[in-house]
Amino acid sequence: MMSISEVLEEYYGLHDASLDGWNWADSDRLVLEIEVNMNQEGDTEGDDFRQIILIFDGCTLIDGLNEGFNGFSTGDATILDATEVKESTSPTTRQGVELAMNYNNYDEKYRRFVLVKIFFDEFSVIDPKRQS
């Protein structure tokens, strides 16, 4: 099982990744479908896009800009930056990730910058192309 810091390291901090799906489940589970360009080393062979799924169990979502953002059911987002964060300094603190994104609901009039923190109890990643 990977930690969030290992995911950010392996997938280039999710920089310029496309967040194509956002799904809240009933049990405080958040599932993100992300397309990551694995060719960020300047390779001249072109892009190497990889679909991954991030699953956060027992999670809490905090709108960093306090604008009422709680996810999206249409559209997509480009992840500008992803940073590992901690919920507090307590020994029982939950780990988390802060996502800075440009959100587009496919209506040219509705584009906006979104900043969210996702704190979670358990985390997993699904990457069918990942070498174990």
C-alpha atoms as a PDB file:
ATOM      1  CA  MET A   1       0.000   0.000   0.000  1.00  0.00           C
ATOM      2  CA  MET A   2       1.396   3.393  -1.023  1.00  0.00           C
ATOM      3  CA  SER A   3       1.350   6.530   1.116  1.00  0.00           C
ATOM      4  CA  ILE A   4       0.163   9.827  -0.309  1.00  0.00           C
ATOM      5  CA  SER A   5       3.765  11.103  -0.360  1.00  0.00           C
ATOM      6  CA  GLU A   6       4.836   8.059  -2.421  1.00  0.00           C
ATOM      7  CA  VAL A   7       1.973   8.668  -4.868  1.00  0.00           C
ATOM      8  CA  LEU A   8       2.981  12.310  -5.278  1.00  0.00           C
ATOM      9  CA  GLU A   9       6.591  11.278  -5.836  1.00  0.00           C
ATOM     10  CA  GLU A  10       5.781   8.539  -8.359  1.00  0.00           C
ATOM     11  CA  TYR A  11       3.234  10.577 -10.312  1.00  0.00           C
ATOM     12  CA  TYR A  12       5.137  13.883 -10.481  1.00  0.00           C
ATOM     13  CA  GLY A  13       3.035  15.593  -7.834  1.00  0.00           C
ATOM     14  CA  LEU A  14       0.011  15.068 -10.118  1.00  0.00           C
ATOM     15  CA  HIS A  15       1.186  18.253 -11.842  1.00  0.00           C
ATOM     16  CA  ASP A  16      -0.981  19.071 -14.883  1.00  0.00           C
ATOM     17  CA  ALA A  17      -2.912  15.832 -14.403  1.00  0.00           C
ATOM     18  CA  SER A  18      -6.508  15.769 -15.552  1.00  0.00           C
ATOM     19  CA  LEU A  19      -9.077  14.958 -12.891  1.00  0.00           C
ATOM     20  CA  ASP A  20     -11.734  13.272 -15.040  1.00  0.00           C
ATOM     21  CA  GLY A  21     -14.053  11.816 -12.397  1.00  0.00           C
ATOM     22  CA  TRP A  22     -15.081  12.782  -8.871  1.00  0.00           C
ATOM     23  CA  ASN A  23     -17.388  10.434  -6.972  1.00  0.00           C
ATOM     24  CA  TRP A  24     -18.546  10.610  -3.344  1.00  0.00           C
ATOM     25  CA  ALA A  25     -19.833   7.340  -1.919  1.00  0.00           C
ATOM     26  CA  ASP A  26     -22.214   6.998   1.033  1.00  0.00           C
ATOM     27  CA  SER A  27     -19.553   5.872   3.499  1.00  0.00           C
ATOM     28  CA  ASP A  28     -17.301   8.955   3.327  1.00  0.00           C
ATOM     29  CA  ARG A  29     -15.412   7.457   0.407  1.00  0.00           C
ATOM     30  CA  LEU A  30     -14.049   9.689  -2.332  1.00  0.00           C
ATOM     31  CA  VAL A  31     -12.927   8.185  -5.643  1.00  0.00           C
ATOM     32  CA  LEU A  32     -10.901  10.297  -8.078  1.00  0.00           C
ATOM     33  CA  GLU A  33     -10.198   9.216 -11.654  1.00  0.00           C
ATOM     34  CA  ILE A  34      -7.006  10.917 -12.812  1.00  0.00           C
ATOM     35  CA  GLU A  35      -5.062  10.951 -16.071  1.00  0.00           C
ATOM     36  CA  VAL A  36      -1.371  11.616 -15.386  1.00  0.00           C
ATOM     37  CA  ASN A  37       1.282  12.479 -17.967  1.00  0.00           C
ATOM     38  CA  MET A  38       4.152  10.193 -16.950  1.00  0.00           C
ATOM     39  CA  ASN A  39       6.496  11.890 -19.418  1.00  0.00           C
ATOM     40  CA  GLN A  40       7.567  14.905 -17.399  1.00  0.00           C
ATOM     41  CA  GLU A  41      11.266  14.245 -17.702  1.00  0.00           C
ATOM     42  CA  GLY A  42      11.547  16.016 -21.080  1.00  0.00           C
ATOM     43  CA  ASP A  43      11.595  12.795 -23.108  1.00  0.00           C
ATOM     44  CA  THR A  44      11.169  13.558 -26.802  1.00  0.00           C
ATOM     45  CA  GLU A  45       9.132  10.387 -27.435  1.00  0.00           C
ATOM     46  CA  GLY A  46       5.857  12.204 -26.664  1.00  0.00           C
ATOM     47  CA  ASP A  47       3.307  11.960 -23.925  1.00  0.00           C
ATOM     48  CA  ASP A  48       2.719   8.881 -21.811  1.00  0.00           C
ATOM     49  CA  PHE A  49      -0.725   9.255 -20.250  1.00  0.00           C
ATOM     50  CA  ARG A  50      -1.718   6.851 -17.521  1.00  0.00           C
ATOM     51  CA  GLN A  51      -5.123   6.430 -15.911  1.00  0.00           C
ATOM     52  CA  ILE A  52      -5.035   5.977 -12.143  1.00  0.00           C
ATOM     53  CA  ILE A  53      -7.741   5.884  -9.503  1.00  0.00           C
ATOM     54  CA  LEU A  54      -7.233   7.309  -6.011  1.00  0.00           C
ATOM     55  CA  ILE A  55      -9.571   6.063  -3.272  1.00  0.00           C
ATOM     56  CA  PHE A  56      -9.881   7.918   0.038  1.00  0.00           C
ATOM     57  CA  ASP A  57     -11.814   6.086   2.795  1.00  0.00           C
ATOM     58  CA  GLY A  58     -13.155   7.845   5.869  1.00  0.00           C
ATOM     59  CA  CYS A  59     -12.419  11.195   4.310  1.00  0.00           C
ATOM     60  CA  THR A  60     -13.273  14.801   5.015  1.00  0.00           C
ATOM     61  CA  LEU A  61     -13.231  17.491   2.332  1.00  0.00           C
ATOM     62  CA  ILE A  62     -12.329  21.080   3.228  1.00  0.00           C
ATOM     63  CA  ASP A  63     -12.883  23.919   0.777  1.00  0.00           C
ATOM     64  CA  GLY A  64      -9.670  25.933   1.102  1.00  0.00           C
ATOM     65  CA  LEU A  65     -11.248  29.066  -0.392  1.00  0.00           C
ATOM     66  CA  ASN A  66     -14.491  28.768   1.598  1.00  0.00           C
ATOM     67  CA  GLU A  67     -16.643  29.085  -1.526  1.00  0.00           C
ATOM     68  CA  GLY A  68     -18.881  26.076  -0.918  1.00  0.00           C
ATOM     69  CA  PHE A  69     -17.031  23.627  -3.185  1.00  0.00           C
ATOM     70  CA  ASN A  70     -17.954  20.016  -2.404  1.00  0.00           C
ATOM     71  CA  GLY A  71     -17.021  18.246  -5.623  1.00  0.00           C
ATOM     72  CA  PHE A  72     -18.407  18.173  -9.111  1.00  0.00           C
ATOM     73  CA  SER A  73     -20.692  15.909 -11.067  1.00  0.00           C
ATOM     74  CA  THR A  74     -19.916  17.311 -14.520  1.00  0.00           C
ATOM     75  CA  GLY A  75     -16.792  18.714 -16.064  1.00  0.00           C
ATOM     76  CA  ASP A  76     -13.194  18.107 -15.168  1.00  0.00           C
ATOM     77  CA  ALA A  77     -10.266  19.811 -13.515  1.00  0.00           C
ATOM     78  CA  THR A  78      -6.586  20.249 -14.187  1.00  0.00           C
ATOM     79  CA  ILE A  79      -4.479  19.681 -11.090  1.00  0.00           C
ATOM     80  CA  LEU A  80      -1.984  22.518 -10.814  1.00  0.00           C
ATOM     81  CA  ASP A  81      -0.394  21.339  -7.584  1.00  0.00           C
ATOM     82  CA  ALA A  82      -0.816  18.533  -5.045  1.00  0.00           C
ATOM     83  CA  THR A  83       0.786  18.759  -1.616  1.00  0.00           C
ATOM     84  CA  GLU A  84       0.819  16.369   1.317  1.00  0.00           C
ATOM     85  CA  VAL A  85      -0.759  17.955   4.413  1.00  0.00           C
ATOM     86  CA  LYS A  86      -1.558  16.930   7.989  1.00  0.00           C
ATOM     87  CA  GLU A  87      -4.879  17.577   9.710  1.00  0.00           C
ATOM     88  CA  SER A  88      -3.192  18.803  12.908  1.00  0.00           C
ATOM     89  CA  THR A  89      -0.088  18.273  14.992  1.00  0.00           C
ATOM     90  CA  SER A  90      -1.801  15.684  17.206  1.00  0.00           C
ATOM     91  CA  PRO A  91      -0.246  12.182  17.324  1.00  0.00           C
ATOM     92  CA  THR A  92      -3.563  10.806  16.000  1.00  0.00           C
ATOM     93  CA  THR A  93      -3.714  13.270  13.122  1.00  0.00           C
ATOM     94  CA  ARG A  94      -4.941  12.115   9.738  1.00  0.00           C
ATOM     95  CA  GLN A  95      -2.845  12.561   6.634  1.00  0.00           C
ATOM     96  CA  GLY A  96      -4.206  14.403   3.667  1.00  0.00           C
ATOM     97  CA  VAL A  97      -3.593  16.022   0.329  1.00  0.00           C
ATOM     98  CA  GLU A  98      -4.241  19.578  -0.811  1.00  0.00           C
ATOM     99  CA  LEU A  99      -5.254  19.935  -4.463  1.00  0.00           C
ATOM    100  CA  ALA A 100      -5.032  23.243  -6.323  1.00  0.00           C
ATOM    101  CA  MET A 101      -7.110  22.897  -9.495  1.00  0.00           C
ATOM    102  CA  ASN A 102      -8.601  24.773 -12.414  1.00  0.00           C
ATOM    103  CA  TYR A 103     -12.165  23.484 -12.702  1.00  0.00           C
ATOM    104  CA  ASN A 104     -14.183  23.548 -15.931  1.00  0.00           C
ATOM    105  CA  ASN A 105     -17.797  22.339 -16.132  1.00  0.00           C
ATOM    106  CA  TYR A 106     -17.623  22.491 -19.973  1.00  0.00           C
ATOM    107  CA  ASP A 107     -19.466  25.807 -19.996  1.00  0.00           C
ATOM    108  CA  GLU A 108     -17.019  28.531 -21.064  1.00  0.00           C
ATOM    109  CA  LYS A 109     -18.699  30.851 -18.548  1.00  0.00           C
ATOM    110  CA  TYR A 110     -17.973  28.574 -15.618  1.00  0.00           C
ATOM    111  CA  ARG A 111     -14.293  28.104 -14.986  1.00  0.00           C
ATOM    112  CA  ARG A 112     -12.763  28.665 -11.611  1.00  0.00           C
ATOM    113  CA  PHE A 113      -9.810  28.014  -9.360  1.00  0.00           C
ATOM    114  CA  VAL A 114     -10.505  25.453  -6.607  1.00  0.00           C
ATOM    115  CA  LEU A 115      -8.403  24.636  -3.552  1.00  0.00           C
ATOM    116  CA  VAL A 116      -9.423  21.604  -1.473  1.00  0.00           C
ATOM    117  CA  LYS A 117      -7.917  19.549   1.303  1.00  0.00           C
ATOM    118  CA  ILE A 118      -8.848  15.888   1.576  1.00  0.00           C
ATOM    119  CA  PHE A 119      -8.104  14.242   4.937  1.00  0.00           C
ATOM    120  CA  PHE A 120      -8.540  10.487   5.164  1.00  0.00           C
ATOM    121  CA  ASP A 121      -8.254   7.405   7.348  1.00  0.00           C
ATOM    122  CA  GLU A 122      -7.202   5.018   4.571  1.00  0.00           C
ATOM    123  CA  PHE A 123      -5.911   5.544   1.077  1.00  0.00           C
ATOM    124  CA  SER A 124      -5.297   3.338  -1.954  1.00  0.00           C
ATOM    125  CA  VAL A 125      -4.289   3.758  -5.574  1.00  0.00           C
ATOM    126  CA  ILE A 126      -5.244   1.640  -8.565  1.00  0.00           C
ATOM    127  CA  ASP A 127      -2.788   1.755 -11.463  1.00  0.00           C
ATOM    128  CA  PRO A 128      -3.080  -1.173 -13.875  1.00  0.00           C
ATOM    129  CA  LYS A 129       0.307  -0.311 -15.468  1.00  0.00           C
ATOM    130  CA  ARG A 130       2.258  -0.027 -12.223  1.00  0.00           C
ATOM    131  CA  GLN A 131       5.120  -2.455 -11.756  1.00  0.00           C
ATOM    132  CA  SER A 132       5.065  -3.964  -8.252  1.00  0.00           C
END
